[in-house]
Protein backbone atom coordinates (compact mmCIF):
# COMPACT_ATOMS: atom_id res chain seq x y z
CA MET A 1 146.17 200.05 70.97
CA ASP A 2 147.69 200.09 74.43
CA VAL A 3 144.37 201.01 76.00
CA HIS A 4 142.53 198.20 74.22
CA HIS A 5 145.25 195.70 75.06
CA ALA A 6 145.11 196.71 78.72
CA ILE A 7 141.31 196.32 78.77
CA TYR A 8 141.57 192.87 77.17
CA CYS A 9 144.19 191.69 79.67
CA LEU A 10 142.06 193.00 82.55
CA ALA A 11 139.03 191.09 81.28
CA VAL A 12 140.98 187.85 80.98
CA VAL A 13 142.31 188.19 84.52
CA VAL A 14 138.86 188.93 85.93
CA LEU A 15 137.33 185.97 84.08
CA SER A 16 140.03 183.60 85.33
CA LEU A 17 139.53 184.86 88.87
CA ILE A 18 135.77 184.26 88.62
CA THR A 19 136.30 180.75 87.27
CA THR A 20 138.81 179.91 90.00
CA SER A 21 136.54 181.22 92.74
CA SER A 22 133.59 179.25 91.35
CA GLY A 23 135.68 176.06 91.35
CA ASN A 24 136.78 176.64 94.89
CA ARG A 25 133.25 177.24 96.05
CA GLY A 26 132.12 173.96 94.38
CA SER A 27 134.91 172.11 96.13
CA ASP A 28 134.04 173.70 99.40
CA THR A 29 130.35 172.61 99.13
CA LEU A 30 131.23 168.85 99.13
CA SER A 31 130.59 167.26 102.50
CA TYR A 32 133.09 164.99 104.15
CA GLU A 33 130.90 162.00 103.29
CA ASP A 34 130.83 163.05 99.62
CA GLN A 35 134.57 163.42 99.61
CA LEU A 36 135.02 159.93 101.10
CA VAL A 37 132.65 158.38 98.58
CA LYS A 38 134.46 160.08 95.69
CA GLN A 39 137.81 159.02 97.10
CA ILE A 40 136.79 155.36 97.48
CA LEU A 41 135.15 155.24 94.05
CA HIS A 42 138.23 156.86 92.52
CA LYS A 43 140.44 154.14 94.02
CA TYR A 44 138.17 151.44 92.58
CA ARG A 45 138.23 153.12 89.17
CA VAL A 46 141.99 153.10 89.26
CA ARG A 47 142.48 149.51 90.48
CA GLY A 48 139.23 147.95 89.19
CA LYS A 49 136.56 146.05 91.09
CA TYR A 50 137.38 142.50 89.98
CA SER A 51 140.48 141.80 92.08
CA ARG A 52 140.51 141.01 95.77
CA PRO A 53 141.05 144.06 98.03
CA VAL A 54 144.43 142.90 99.40
CA ARG A 55 147.86 144.53 99.34
CA HIS A 56 149.69 141.51 97.91
CA PHE A 57 148.33 138.94 95.45
CA ASN A 58 149.29 136.00 97.67
CA ASP A 59 147.54 137.39 100.77
CA THR A 60 144.51 135.52 102.08
CA LEU A 61 141.34 137.58 102.38
CA LYS A 62 139.22 136.70 105.39
CA LEU A 63 135.46 136.78 104.96
CA TRP A 64 132.89 136.47 107.73
CA PHE A 65 129.53 135.19 106.57
CA GLY A 66 126.20 134.40 108.24
CA ILE A 67 122.51 134.14 107.44
CA GLN A 68 119.50 135.40 109.35
CA LEU A 69 116.30 133.50 108.64
CA THR A 70 113.14 135.62 108.42
CA GLN A 71 110.60 133.23 106.90
CA ILE A 72 110.08 129.67 105.67
CA MET A 73 108.20 130.47 102.50
CA ASP A 74 107.52 127.03 101.05
CA LEU A 75 108.58 123.40 100.91
CA ASN A 76 107.65 121.85 97.59
CA GLU A 77 107.53 118.12 98.34
CA GLN A 78 106.97 117.13 94.72
CA ASP A 79 109.94 119.11 93.34
CA GLN A 80 111.91 118.72 96.61
CA ILE A 81 112.74 122.44 96.80
CA LEU A 82 112.91 124.55 99.96
CA THR A 83 112.25 128.29 99.65
CA LEU A 84 113.59 130.60 102.40
CA ASN A 85 113.58 134.35 102.93
CA VAL A 86 116.89 135.30 104.61
CA TRP A 87 119.23 138.18 105.26
CA ASP A 88 122.84 137.53 104.27
CA VAL A 89 125.62 139.10 106.33
CA TYR A 90 129.05 139.63 104.72
CA TRP A 91 132.09 141.16 106.46
CA TRP A 92 135.52 141.64 104.91
CA LYS A 93 138.33 144.17 105.07
CA ASP A 94 139.49 146.45 102.27
CA GLU A 95 143.04 147.51 103.05
CA GLN A 96 142.87 150.48 100.67
CA ALA A 97 139.59 151.94 101.92
CA THR A 98 140.69 153.38 105.26
CA TRP A 99 140.69 156.99 106.54
CA ASN A 100 141.25 159.06 109.62
CA VAL A 101 137.94 159.96 111.22
CA THR A 102 139.23 163.27 112.62
CA GLU A 103 140.26 164.48 109.15
CA TYR A 104 136.74 163.95 107.79
CA GLY A 105 134.64 165.58 110.45
CA GLY A 106 133.99 162.40 112.46
CA VAL A 107 132.51 160.39 109.57
CA ASP A 108 133.26 156.75 110.39
CA LYS A 109 131.21 154.99 107.67
CA VAL A 110 129.89 155.64 104.18
CA ARG A 111 127.59 153.77 101.77
CA ILE A 112 128.75 152.72 98.32
CA PRO A 113 126.64 151.04 95.59
CA TRP A 114 127.30 147.30 95.47
CA ASN A 115 127.96 147.26 91.73
CA LYS A 116 130.81 149.78 92.07
CA VAL A 117 132.99 147.73 94.43
CA TRP A 118 134.41 144.20 94.76
CA LEU A 119 132.04 141.58 96.19
CA PRO A 120 132.81 138.02 97.30
CA ASP A 121 131.39 135.36 94.98
CA ILE A 122 129.67 133.36 97.72
CA LYS A 123 127.14 131.06 96.08
CA LEU A 124 124.56 128.56 97.26
CA TYR A 125 125.95 125.21 96.15
CA ASN A 126 122.66 123.29 96.21
CA TYR A 127 120.97 125.97 94.11
CA ALA A 128 117.59 124.95 92.63
CA ASP A 129 116.10 128.09 91.14
CA TYR A 130 115.10 129.29 87.70
CA ARG A 131 116.00 132.89 88.61
CA LEU A 132 119.44 134.23 87.74
CA GLN A 133 119.56 136.68 90.64
CA GLU A 134 118.46 135.74 94.14
CA GLN A 135 119.60 138.79 96.15
CA ARG A 136 118.21 142.30 96.35
CA THR A 137 120.55 145.17 95.47
CA VAL A 138 121.64 147.02 98.62
CA LEU A 139 124.49 149.39 99.46
CA CYS A 140 127.80 148.33 100.97
CA VAL A 141 128.80 150.02 104.22
CA PHE A 142 132.50 151.03 104.36
CA HIS A 143 133.99 151.66 107.82
CA ASN A 144 137.00 153.87 108.49
CA ASP A 145 139.15 150.90 109.53
CA GLY A 146 138.59 149.22 106.14
CA ARG A 147 135.83 146.84 107.19
CA VAL A 148 133.03 146.43 104.66
CA LEU A 149 129.52 145.27 105.59
CA TRP A 150 127.05 143.99 103.00
CA MET A 151 123.61 142.72 104.10
CA PRO A 152 121.43 141.88 101.09
CA GLN A 153 118.02 140.30 101.46
CA ALA A 154 117.72 137.07 99.51
CA VAL A 155 115.15 134.43 98.63
CA TYR A 156 116.94 131.11 98.34
CA ARG A 157 115.48 128.05 96.64
CA SER A 158 117.61 125.05 97.54
CA SER A 159 117.28 121.38 96.77
CA CYS A 160 116.35 119.25 99.77
CA LEU A 161 115.93 115.50 100.08
CA ILE A 162 112.40 114.97 101.41
CA ASP A 163 111.67 112.02 103.70
CA VAL A 164 107.92 111.33 103.80
CA THR A 165 107.98 108.11 105.81
CA THR A 166 106.16 109.67 108.77
CA PHE A 167 104.00 112.11 106.76
CA PRO A 168 102.15 114.24 107.96
CA PHE A 169 104.20 114.19 111.18
CA ASP A 170 107.48 114.23 109.25
CA VAL A 171 110.67 115.97 110.30
CA GLN A 172 112.73 117.40 107.45
CA SER A 173 116.42 118.28 107.48
CA CYS A 174 117.58 120.64 104.72
CA ASP A 175 121.11 121.95 104.13
CA LEU A 176 122.17 125.27 102.65
CA LYS A 177 125.78 125.05 101.54
CA PHE A 178 127.52 128.41 100.93
CA GLY A 179 131.02 128.91 99.62
CA SER A 180 133.15 130.77 97.10
CA TRP A 181 132.66 129.47 93.58
CA THR A 182 136.09 130.46 92.21
CA TYR A 183 138.36 131.34 95.14
CA ASP A 184 139.95 128.49 97.02
CA GLY A 185 140.70 128.54 100.73
CA ASN A 186 144.15 130.04 100.17
CA LYS A 187 142.64 133.09 98.46
CA LEU A 188 139.38 133.51 100.37
CA GLU A 189 139.06 132.14 103.89
CA VAL A 190 135.41 131.98 105.00
CA HIS A 191 134.38 132.01 108.67
CA PHE A 192 131.13 132.30 110.61
CA ASN A 193 130.01 135.85 111.30
CA GLU A 194 130.59 136.64 114.99
CA GLU A 195 131.40 132.93 115.41
CA LYS A 196 127.69 132.05 115.20
CA ASP A 197 127.72 128.47 113.98
CA TYR A 198 123.95 128.42 113.58
CA ILE A 199 121.17 130.19 111.67
CA ASP A 200 120.19 133.45 113.32
CA LEU A 201 116.45 133.49 114.19
CA THR A 202 116.14 136.84 115.94
CA GLU A 203 113.97 138.22 113.09
CA TYR A 204 112.20 134.96 112.30
CA VAL A 205 108.45 135.10 111.53
CA THR A 206 106.75 132.01 112.93
CA SER A 207 105.44 129.70 110.22
CA ASN A 208 101.92 128.30 110.30
CA ALA A 209 103.03 125.13 108.54
CA TRP A 210 106.39 124.30 110.15
CA THR A 211 108.02 124.22 113.58
CA ILE A 212 111.79 124.70 113.75
CA ILE A 213 113.57 122.07 115.85
CA ASP A 214 117.23 122.98 115.40
CA VAL A 215 119.47 125.22 113.25
CA PRO A 216 123.09 123.98 113.48
CA ALA A 217 125.88 124.95 111.07
CA LYS A 218 129.31 123.54 110.23
CA ARG A 219 132.44 124.80 108.50
CA ASN A 220 133.93 122.34 105.99
CA VAL A 221 137.21 122.24 104.11
CA LYS A 222 136.99 119.99 101.06
CA PHE A 223 139.10 118.96 98.10
CA TYR A 224 137.29 118.54 94.79
CA SER A 225 138.31 116.51 91.77
CA CYS A 226 138.61 119.63 89.61
CA CYS A 227 141.20 121.43 91.71
CA PRO A 228 144.07 120.53 94.05
CA GLU A 229 143.44 123.49 96.37
CA PRO A 230 141.13 123.21 99.40
CA TYR A 231 137.75 124.93 99.22
CA VAL A 232 135.94 126.22 102.29
CA ASP A 233 132.17 126.15 102.68
CA LEU A 234 129.69 126.91 105.45
CA THR A 235 126.78 124.45 105.65
CA PHE A 236 123.69 125.63 107.51
CA THR A 237 121.18 122.93 108.45
CA LEU A 238 117.52 123.68 109.07
CA ILE A 239 115.66 120.91 110.93
CA PHE A 240 111.93 121.50 111.09
CA GLN A 241 108.73 119.53 111.64
CA ARG A 242 105.39 119.85 109.89
CA ARG A 243 102.44 121.18 111.87
CA ALA A 244 99.93 118.34 111.45
CA THR A 245 96.81 119.98 112.89
CA LEU A 246 95.11 120.34 109.50
CA TYR A 247 96.15 116.88 108.35
CA ASN A 248 94.64 115.38 111.49
CA TYR A 249 91.24 116.51 110.22
CA ILE A 250 91.61 115.75 106.50
CA LEU A 251 93.69 112.55 106.57
CA ILE A 252 93.88 110.92 110.02
CA LEU A 253 90.35 111.42 111.39
CA PRO A 254 88.53 110.37 108.17
CA CYS A 255 90.72 107.28 108.00
CA VAL A 256 89.88 106.25 111.56
CA LEU A 257 86.16 106.93 111.02
CA LEU A 258 86.05 104.98 107.76
CA THR A 259 87.86 102.13 109.44
CA SER A 260 85.24 102.15 112.19
CA ILE A 261 82.45 102.11 109.59
CA THR A 262 84.07 99.00 108.12
CA LEU A 263 83.12 97.16 111.30
CA ILE A 264 79.45 97.97 110.67
CA LEU A 265 79.54 95.71 107.61
CA PHE A 266 79.57 92.66 109.87
CA TRP A 267 76.48 93.79 111.82
CA ILE A 268 74.25 94.20 108.75
CA PRO A 269 72.04 91.13 108.12
CA PRO A 270 73.41 88.85 105.39
CA GLU A 271 70.28 89.16 103.23
CA SER A 272 70.47 93.00 103.14
CA PRO A 273 71.84 94.51 99.85
CA ALA A 274 73.34 97.41 101.86
CA LYS A 275 76.04 95.01 103.05
CA MET A 276 77.82 95.07 99.67
CA MET A 277 76.96 98.67 98.76
CA LEU A 278 78.47 100.04 101.98
CA GLY A 279 81.67 98.06 101.48
CA LEU A 280 82.17 99.42 97.96
CA THR A 281 81.42 102.98 99.12
CA ILE A 282 84.04 102.75 101.87
CA PHE A 283 86.57 101.39 99.36
CA ILE A 284 85.98 104.40 97.07
CA ALA A 285 86.32 106.79 100.02
CA PHE A 286 89.70 105.30 100.96
CA PHE A 287 90.83 105.56 97.34
CA ILE A 288 89.98 109.30 97.36
CA LEU A 289 91.97 109.77 100.58
CA LEU A 290 94.89 107.96 98.97
CA LYS A 291 94.76 110.35 96.00
CA ILE A 292 94.77 113.35 98.38
CA LEU A 293 97.82 111.89 100.10
CA GLU A 294 99.54 111.32 96.76
CA LYS A 295 99.22 115.01 95.81
CA ASN A 296 101.30 116.01 98.85
CA LEU A 297 104.15 113.60 98.15
CA PRO A 298 107.11 113.85 95.78
CA PRO A 299 106.67 111.75 92.63
CA GLY A 300 108.64 108.53 92.53
CA THR A 301 109.40 108.61 96.23
CA SER A 302 111.63 105.78 97.40
CA SER A 303 109.69 105.17 100.62
CA MET A 304 105.97 104.79 101.18
CA PRO A 305 104.50 106.83 104.04
CA LEU A 306 103.24 104.75 106.93
CA ILE A 307 99.86 106.38 106.65
CA GLY A 308 99.74 105.33 102.99
CA THR A 309 100.56 101.79 104.08
CA TYR A 310 97.71 102.07 106.58
CA TYR A 311 95.36 103.22 103.82
CA CYS A 312 96.36 100.29 101.63
CA LEU A 313 95.91 97.91 104.56
CA ASN A 314 92.38 99.20 105.10
CA MET A 315 91.60 98.88 101.40
CA ILE A 316 92.77 95.27 101.51
CA ILE A 317 90.63 94.69 104.60
CA ILE A 318 87.58 96.17 102.90
CA THR A 319 88.20 94.08 99.78
CA LEU A 320 88.47 90.93 101.88
CA SER A 321 85.38 91.95 103.83
CA SER A 322 83.45 92.18 100.54
CA PHE A 323 84.51 88.65 99.65
CA LEU A 324 83.63 87.44 103.14
CA ASN A 325 80.26 89.17 102.94
CA VAL A 326 79.54 87.35 99.69
CA LEU A 327 80.57 84.14 101.43
CA VAL A 328 78.26 84.89 104.36
CA VAL A 329 75.33 85.72 102.04
CA ASN A 330 75.92 82.51 100.10
CA TRP A 331 76.26 80.66 103.40
CA ALA A 332 72.94 82.05 104.59
CA ALA A 333 71.23 81.06 101.31
CA TYR A 334 72.66 77.52 101.37
CA GLY A 335 70.11 76.28 103.90
CA GLN A 336 67.65 74.70 101.48
CA ARG A 337 70.26 72.47 99.89
CA ALA A 338 71.90 70.50 102.67
CA ASN A 339 72.32 70.22 106.39
CA ILE A 340 75.21 71.80 108.22
CA PRO A 341 77.97 69.25 108.65
CA PRO A 342 77.86 68.01 112.25
CA PRO A 343 81.53 68.87 113.08
CA MET A 344 81.06 72.42 111.77
CA LYS A 345 77.76 72.74 113.60
CA ALA A 346 79.33 71.56 116.82
CA ILE A 347 82.19 74.07 116.54
CA LEU A 348 79.97 77.02 115.63
CA PHE A 349 77.03 76.34 117.94
CA ASP A 350 78.73 74.79 120.94
CA VAL A 351 82.11 76.60 121.03
CA CYS A 352 82.01 79.85 119.02
CA ALA A 353 78.51 80.84 120.09
CA LYS A 354 79.45 80.38 123.73
CA VAL A 355 82.67 82.35 123.39
CA LEU A 356 80.92 85.16 121.50
CA HIS A 357 77.96 85.23 123.92
CA MET A 358 75.43 84.15 121.28
CA GLU A 359 73.81 81.30 123.21
CA ASP A 360 70.31 82.76 122.76
CA LEU A 361 70.70 82.50 119.00
CA VAL A 362 71.57 78.78 118.97
CA ARG A 363 69.55 77.61 122.00
CA PRO A 364 66.40 76.65 119.94
CA PHE A 365 68.47 74.46 117.63
CA GLN A 366 70.21 72.76 120.54
CA LYS A 367 66.80 72.05 122.18
CA LYS A 368 65.53 70.62 118.92
CA ASP A 369 68.57 68.35 118.62
CA ARG A 370 68.09 67.12 122.15
CA GLY A 371 64.34 66.52 121.50
CA GLU A 372 65.06 64.52 118.36
CA GLU A 373 67.64 62.42 120.17
CA ALA A 374 65.17 61.72 122.98
CA ALA A 375 62.45 60.76 120.50
CA ALA A 376 64.81 58.48 118.61
CA THR A 377 65.83 56.65 121.79
CA SER A 378 62.23 56.25 123.11
CA SER A 379 60.71 54.85 119.90
CA ASN A 380 61.55 51.48 118.35
CA PRO A 381 63.07 51.50 114.90
CA GLY A 382 60.65 50.57 112.15
CA GLU A 383 57.58 51.24 114.30
CA GLU A 384 54.99 53.09 112.30
CA ASP A 385 53.95 56.42 113.73
CA THR A 386 50.23 56.29 113.61
CA LYS A 387 47.41 57.68 115.65
CA TRP A 388 45.12 54.79 114.82
CA SER A 389 44.51 52.59 117.84
CA GLN A 390 45.12 48.85 117.75
CA ASP A 391 41.97 48.24 119.75
CA PRO A 392 39.82 45.71 117.85
CA MET A 393 36.79 47.78 118.77
CA ALA A 394 38.38 50.91 117.28
CA SER A 395 36.78 52.39 114.21
CA THR A 396 39.56 51.29 111.91
CA GLU A 397 39.35 47.70 112.98
CA VAL A 398 35.59 47.83 112.84
CA LEU A 399 35.72 49.14 109.30
CA THR A 400 38.25 46.48 108.37
CA HIS A 401 36.01 43.79 109.83
CA LEU A 402 33.05 45.23 108.00
CA LYS A 403 35.08 45.40 104.83
CA CYS A 404 35.73 41.71 105.03
CA THR A 405 32.06 40.88 105.49
CA HIS A 406 30.57 43.51 103.19
CA THR A 407 32.57 44.14 100.02
CA THR A 408 29.81 46.13 98.35
CA GLY A 409 27.38 48.73 99.33
CA PRO A 410 27.51 51.94 101.30
CA ILE A 411 29.97 50.65 103.83
CA ALA A 412 32.55 49.89 101.16
CA SER A 413 32.16 53.44 99.76
CA ILE A 414 32.64 54.94 103.19
CA ASP A 415 35.75 52.83 103.69
CA SER A 416 37.19 54.04 100.39
CA LYS A 417 36.57 57.69 101.26
CA LEU A 418 38.11 57.23 104.70
CA GLY A 419 41.20 55.62 103.15
CA GLU A 420 41.66 58.54 100.81
CA LEU A 421 41.26 60.94 103.73
CA ARG A 422 43.82 59.00 105.74
CA ASP A 423 46.33 59.12 102.86
CA PHE A 424 45.76 62.83 102.44
CA ILE A 425 46.32 63.48 106.11
CA ARG A 426 49.52 61.40 106.06
CA ALA A 427 50.83 63.23 102.95
CA HIS A 428 49.95 66.63 104.41
CA LYS A 429 51.67 65.72 107.62
CA GLN A 430 54.76 64.71 105.66
CA ARG A 431 54.73 67.99 103.74
CA LEU A 432 54.48 69.96 106.95
CA ALA A 433 57.34 67.96 108.44
CA ASP A 434 59.47 68.59 105.33
CA LYS A 435 58.61 72.29 105.43
CA ASP A 436 59.51 72.54 109.11
CA ARG A 437 62.75 70.67 108.43
CA ARG A 438 63.68 73.03 105.56
CA GLU A 439 62.82 76.11 107.59
CA SER A 440 64.89 74.75 110.44
CA MET A 441 67.81 74.14 108.07
CA VAL A 442 67.55 77.69 106.71
CA LYS A 443 67.47 79.12 110.21
CA GLU A 444 70.47 77.04 111.19
CA TRP A 445 72.47 78.27 108.19
CA LYS A 446 71.47 81.87 108.91
CA ALA A 447 72.46 81.44 112.53
CA SER A 448 75.81 80.00 111.46
CA ALA A 449 76.25 82.94 109.04
CA LEU A 450 75.62 85.39 111.88
CA ILE A 451 78.16 83.56 114.04
CA LEU A 452 80.66 83.69 111.18
CA ASP A 453 79.96 87.43 110.79
CA ARG A 454 80.67 87.91 114.48
CA ILE A 455 83.93 85.93 114.22
CA ILE A 456 85.09 88.07 111.28
CA PHE A 457 84.05 91.21 113.19
CA VAL A 458 86.24 90.22 116.14
CA VAL A 459 89.18 89.42 113.85
CA TYR A 460 88.86 92.73 112.00
CA PHE A 461 88.47 94.66 115.22
CA LEU A 462 91.72 93.16 116.51
CA ILE A 463 93.47 93.90 113.20
CA ILE A 464 92.28 97.53 113.15
CA VAL A 465 93.16 98.20 116.79
CA THR A 466 96.57 96.58 116.35
CA SER A 467 97.32 98.56 113.18
CA LEU A 468 96.31 101.82 114.87
CA ALA A 469 98.40 100.99 117.93
CA VAL A 470 101.45 100.22 115.77
CA ILE A 471 101.25 102.72 112.91
CA LEU A 472 99.96 105.90 114.57
CA PRO A 473 102.65 106.04 117.29
CA SER A 474 105.27 105.37 114.60
CA ILE A 475 103.92 108.27 112.56
CA VAL A 476 103.55 110.72 115.43
CA TYR A 477 106.93 109.88 116.93
CA SER A 478 109.74 112.15 115.77
CA ALA A 479 113.44 111.85 116.37
CA ASP A 480 114.68 113.39 119.58
CA TYR A 481 116.99 116.10 118.31
CA LYS A 482 119.24 117.69 120.87
CA SER A 483 118.69 121.36 120.19
CA THR A 484 122.12 122.77 120.97
CA ARG A 485 121.79 125.94 118.83
CA LEU A 486 118.11 126.78 118.74
CA LYS A 487 118.00 128.81 121.96
CA GLN A 488 121.06 130.81 120.96
CA ALA A 489 119.59 131.41 117.51
CA LEU A 490 116.34 132.70 118.97
CA ASN A 491 118.03 134.93 121.53
CA GLY A 492 120.79 136.11 119.23
CA GLU A 493 123.37 135.28 121.88
CA GLU A 494 126.40 133.03 121.89
């Protein structure tokens, strides 16, 4: 019994020694970094991760926050939502996560999973996203002096009031307001990271659609109706302008060209059917451009873009030109019904034609008027225009004398035939005179229609040039922002 008991006791001692040595070897295999991670996680398991990392409950925790813009992903004008790809930068100090570097082999920082430690509840106030999570999960970097760095990558979708007055040369100003959602300024005091009161652009990827003008930021302390305590927020403002190179070719240039084609309407002859067809085609083309413009604008916008106003102005001009073309065509076809009123004729032929350098068009009618006036003054009123001579020996008088002496016979028959011939010649001459008069009236009305077309052309040309001179500079002009932070943001320097 004593031998067996001694063997059993020896086995127990050996087994305990083996177990102890194995435990010591496992403890010795942990690196200093592993030991620090286990130590920090153990502290958070003991105290929890939902309270602020301060020594006393009434202490104020200071947080340094900043954003680094990497890309402007999209600006949805219709939904008025700005989408940005940014890197967030958080700095705060955990009083209970400090260690002596010399005791841990020179390790001055360790990485801890973000979901194992306390994180500040900094939220985007003007949040406009259907996603519940906007940040990527990254590790938190703990430094030996208690400082904690957290730099998650985030895609923010924020609401932004879009001003499309000068579209497509518009300048937009969008704010991103960050602040604690539950901690007031007495519990969590937020400051700019490294005192950079601007958006950091050192890693920015240049956008093909937008040009950044300025990136200022401001720290605000506000009181809300829900709570008596002050709340601190950091508002970052992104001011950027649209690159209008593409829109110059799909909106501006077609508009100018279609406007120029409108002027051709007044050079087409009034009797041509292409005059109306071209006007309607241009109207439809402007309507299509207006629909393209409408697709790029937010619905129910409070202000109409100036270029949209210009489109509507051109559509009104084309509509009026169609009415005026109908008037000109009707004017040109009115010639067979009545003469041009003398006052109107005097204004169009004597004044407008001279001003518009159309004297060659009206010179035949002016010569005709002067010839008629000269003929009217040289001839006596009531005098019959006849080619028959009053000479008693003339054939007419001879036939009349013979008619008196011989009432029957061949001479009387010849006299009758000659009378019929004379009446026919007189009637034919009257018809030719009436035809010439009608043709002259038609030509006068057509000439007046051409002069009216030229007058309308000049008026429209002045309207189009004036509208281009007024509207295009207003669209292209952008506000002169004093870029006080852009250079620092690009260089990453204060």
